[in-house]
Amino acid sequence: MASLLDAWGHDRVVLMGHSFGTTMASYFLLAHPERVAGLIQLAGPFLHPWREADLAAQRARRSDGQQAMLDELGAIASRTDAEEIEYLTLSWFTDHADRARARDWALAAVRTLRPVNYAMNTQLNAAKKADPLESRVLRSQSGRISLVAARRSCHRS
């Protein structure tokens, strides 16, 4: 991202991330706080303890067979297109309130063509596991969240 900002001639920017993009934006803020004037996060980042309750709710909406298939597909380092479609469908259908149509809606979303760099996502997920964002978060009693870098902290209310 720093290379893109350099190429575009931007020294400081306001970052906005959605879903997994909130995690990427947070890591960029931690690595380059001098380059970030502000941070807007939509639907994320997915931090504990909130994440634990969300994962439990998702699990409760899957059958044992669906969960076993999701776990099996999640363990595959390089999924085929069909495996990726099934993995994402099993991951996403729990987001829909209408359980009768949830799988069909998730499948339709998964099948929508969009450019996804799966190799990059694999690298980002590995980096996220090695240095969890949760280890960089401090919460005050007032609910203020601080992302803590080595020498500076970045606050979000």
Protein backbone atom coordinates (compact mmCIF):
# COMPACT_ATOMS: atom_id res chain seq x y z
CA MET A 1 0.00 0.00 0.00
CA ALA A 2 2.89 2.35 0.76
CA SER A 3 4.20 1.78 -2.77
CA LEU A 4 0.80 2.67 -4.22
CA LEU A 5 0.64 5.86 -2.17
CA ASP A 6 4.14 6.76 -3.34
CA ALA A 7 3.22 6.10 -6.96
CA TRP A 8 0.11 8.26 -6.62
CA GLY A 9 2.05 11.05 -4.88
CA HIS A 10 0.25 10.89 -1.52
CA ASP A 11 2.21 11.36 1.70
CA ARG A 12 -0.75 10.95 4.11
CA VAL A 13 -4.21 9.56 3.53
CA VAL A 14 -7.43 8.72 5.29
CA LEU A 15 -7.85 4.96 4.96
CA MET A 16 -11.20 3.25 4.77
CA GLY A 17 -11.53 -0.50 5.10
CA HIS A 18 -14.52 -2.81 4.84
CA SER A 19 -14.62 -6.30 6.33
CA PHE A 20 -11.17 -7.87 5.83
CA GLY A 21 -10.02 -4.47 4.54
CA THR A 22 -10.37 -3.08 8.09
CA THR A 23 -7.69 -5.51 9.23
CA MET A 24 -5.42 -4.57 6.34
CA ALA A 25 -5.93 -0.86 7.02
CA SER A 26 -5.20 -1.40 10.73
CA TYR A 27 -1.94 -3.21 9.99
CA PHE A 28 -0.92 -0.46 7.56
CA LEU A 29 -1.66 2.13 10.26
CA LEU A 30 0.51 0.21 12.72
CA ALA A 31 3.36 -0.12 10.23
CA HIS A 32 3.15 3.44 8.86
CA PRO A 33 1.38 5.74 11.37
CA GLU A 34 3.02 8.79 9.78
CA ARG A 35 1.22 8.01 6.49
CA VAL A 36 -2.30 7.77 7.97
CA ALA A 37 -4.30 10.92 8.72
CA GLY A 38 -7.41 8.96 9.69
CA LEU A 39 -8.97 5.52 9.69
CA ILE A 40 -12.57 4.58 8.88
CA GLN A 41 -13.60 1.00 9.55
CA LEU A 42 -16.84 -0.57 8.29
CA ALA A 43 -17.94 -4.04 9.43
CA GLY A 44 -14.69 -4.86 11.18
CA PRO A 45 -12.04 -5.44 12.30
CA PHE A 46 -13.02 -8.78 13.74
CA LEU A 47 -11.40 -8.71 17.16
CA HIS A 48 -11.89 -10.80 20.28
CA PRO A 49 -13.97 -10.97 22.45
CA TRP A 50 -16.65 -9.93 19.94
CA ARG A 51 -15.26 -12.36 17.38
CA GLU A 52 -15.64 -15.35 19.72
CA ALA A 53 -19.38 -14.73 20.16
CA ASP A 54 -19.80 -14.20 16.41
CA LEU A 55 -17.98 -17.44 15.58
CA ALA A 56 -20.14 -19.32 18.12
CA ALA A 57 -23.31 -17.90 16.53
CA GLN A 58 -22.09 -18.90 13.06
CA ARG A 59 -21.27 -22.40 14.29
CA ALA A 60 -24.73 -22.76 15.83
CA ARG A 61 -26.30 -22.01 12.43
CA ARG A 62 -24.33 -24.78 10.69
CA SER A 63 -25.15 -28.47 10.92
CA ASP A 64 -22.41 -30.81 12.11
CA GLY A 65 -21.96 -31.97 8.50
CA GLN A 66 -21.65 -28.39 7.23
CA GLN A 67 -19.12 -27.55 9.93
CA ALA A 68 -17.08 -30.67 9.17
CA MET A 69 -17.02 -29.76 5.47
CA LEU A 70 -16.05 -26.15 6.27
CA ASP A 71 -13.21 -27.37 8.50
CA GLU A 72 -12.05 -29.84 5.84
CA LEU A 73 -12.08 -27.21 3.10
CA GLY A 74 -10.42 -24.67 5.39
CA ALA A 75 -7.48 -27.02 5.88
CA ILE A 76 -6.77 -27.23 2.14
CA ALA A 77 -3.86 -24.99 1.19
CA SER A 78 -4.95 -24.50 -2.42
CA ARG A 79 -8.65 -25.10 -3.16
CA THR A 80 -10.13 -25.78 -6.59
CA ASP A 81 -12.77 -23.33 -7.86
CA ALA A 82 -15.54 -25.73 -6.81
CA GLU A 83 -13.98 -26.14 -3.35
CA GLU A 84 -13.60 -22.38 -2.98
CA ILE A 85 -17.26 -21.84 -3.92
CA GLU A 86 -18.38 -24.39 -1.33
CA TYR A 87 -16.00 -23.01 1.32
CA LEU A 88 -17.23 -19.43 0.86
CA THR A 89 -20.88 -20.52 0.72
CA LEU A 90 -20.49 -22.37 4.02
CA SER A 91 -18.66 -19.36 5.47
CA TRP A 92 -21.17 -16.75 4.34
CA PHE A 93 -24.64 -18.30 4.55
CA THR A 94 -24.72 -17.82 8.33
CA ASP A 95 -24.78 -14.02 7.76
CA HIS A 96 -28.35 -14.15 6.42
CA ALA A 97 -31.36 -13.98 8.76
CA ASP A 98 -33.67 -15.93 6.44
CA ARG A 99 -32.39 -19.45 7.03
CA ALA A 100 -34.58 -20.96 4.30
CA ARG A 101 -32.90 -18.83 1.62
CA ALA A 102 -29.52 -18.16 3.24
CA ARG A 103 -27.55 -20.82 1.35
CA ASP A 104 -28.98 -19.77 -2.03
CA TRP A 105 -28.17 -16.12 -1.33
CA ALA A 106 -24.64 -16.93 -0.19
CA LEU A 107 -24.08 -19.14 -3.22
CA ALA A 108 -25.27 -16.35 -5.55
CA ALA A 109 -22.86 -13.91 -3.86
CA VAL A 110 -19.98 -16.38 -4.12
CA ARG A 111 -20.62 -17.00 -7.80
CA THR A 112 -20.55 -13.27 -8.60
CA LEU A 113 -17.32 -12.77 -10.47
CA ARG A 114 -14.91 -10.42 -8.78
CA PRO A 115 -11.17 -10.12 -8.89
CA VAL A 116 -9.80 -11.82 -5.78
CA ASN A 117 -6.10 -12.36 -5.30
CA TYR A 118 -6.23 -15.63 -3.37
CA ALA A 119 -2.43 -15.92 -3.16
CA MET A 120 -2.25 -12.49 -1.54
CA ASN A 121 -5.12 -13.36 0.83
CA THR A 122 -3.28 -16.53 1.87
CA GLN A 123 -0.15 -14.49 2.68
CA LEU A 124 -2.16 -11.88 4.58
CA ASN A 125 -3.97 -14.52 6.61
CA ALA A 126 -0.66 -16.20 7.49
CA ALA A 127 0.78 -12.85 8.58
CA LYS A 128 -2.39 -12.15 10.60
CA LYS A 129 -2.00 -15.46 12.44
CA ALA A 130 1.68 -14.75 13.15
CA ASP A 131 0.94 -11.24 14.52
CA PRO A 132 -2.73 -11.08 15.60
CA LEU A 133 -4.26 -7.63 15.58
CA GLU A 134 -5.76 -8.45 19.00
CA SER A 135 -2.24 -8.39 20.45
CA ARG A 136 -1.99 -4.73 19.39
CA VAL A 137 -5.31 -3.54 20.83
CA LEU A 138 -5.79 -1.84 24.16
CA ARG A 139 -9.30 -1.03 25.42
CA SER A 140 -9.89 1.66 28.00
CA GLN A 141 -12.76 1.57 30.50
CA SER A 142 -14.53 4.23 28.41
CA GLY A 143 -14.56 1.87 25.42
CA ARG A 144 -11.88 3.75 23.50
CA ILE A 145 -9.75 1.43 21.37
CA SER A 146 -6.05 2.07 20.79
CA LEU A 147 -3.94 0.27 18.21
CA VAL A 148 -0.48 0.14 19.73
CA ALA A 149 2.56 0.36 17.48
CA ALA A 150 6.14 0.10 18.72
CA ARG A 151 6.51 3.74 19.84
CA ARG A 152 3.24 5.44 18.98
CA SER A 153 -0.39 4.60 19.50
CA CYS A 154 -3.27 5.33 17.19
CA HIS A 155 -6.67 5.93 18.77
CA ARG A 156 -10.21 5.18 17.61
CA SER A 157 -13.29 6.22 19.54
